[in-house]
Amino acid sequence: MKAVLVGQSSLRTKQKSNGAHSDKDTAL
């Protein structure tokens, strides 16, 4: 569960730099 929360935080940061890459993280 904690990993998911951390993933969301980093995901938002990645969205700003790479939107397509964030989609891959969401799939994981």
Protein backbone atom coordinates (compact mmCIF):
# COMPACT_ATOMS: atom_id res chain seq x y z
CA MET A 1 0.00 0.00 0.00
CA LYS A 2 2.79 2.42 0.88
CA ALA A 3 4.48 1.69 -2.43
CA VAL A 4 1.30 2.75 -4.22
CA LEU A 5 1.20 6.10 -2.41
CA VAL A 6 4.87 6.74 -3.17
CA GLY A 7 4.24 5.74 -6.77
CA GLN A 8 1.46 8.30 -7.12
CA SER A 9 3.70 11.08 -5.79
CA SER A 10 6.54 10.22 -8.15
CA LEU A 11 4.01 9.64 -10.93
CA ARG A 12 2.80 13.24 -10.72
CA THR A 13 6.39 14.45 -10.99
CA LYS A 14 7.01 12.18 -13.97
CA GLN A 15 3.83 13.41 -15.68
CA LYS A 16 5.35 16.90 -15.86
CA SER A 17 8.51 15.55 -17.52
CA ASN A 18 7.15 12.47 -19.37
CA GLY A 19 3.40 11.97 -19.68
CA ALA A 20 3.76 8.75 -21.66
CA HIS A 21 6.17 7.33 -19.10
CA SER A 22 3.67 7.98 -16.29
CA ASP A 23 1.16 5.76 -18.10
CA LYS A 24 3.62 2.84 -17.87
CA ASP A 25 4.02 3.44 -14.13
CA THR A 26 0.24 3.45 -13.73
CA ALA A 27 0.03 0.08 -15.47
CA LEU A 28 2.56 -1.33 -13.02
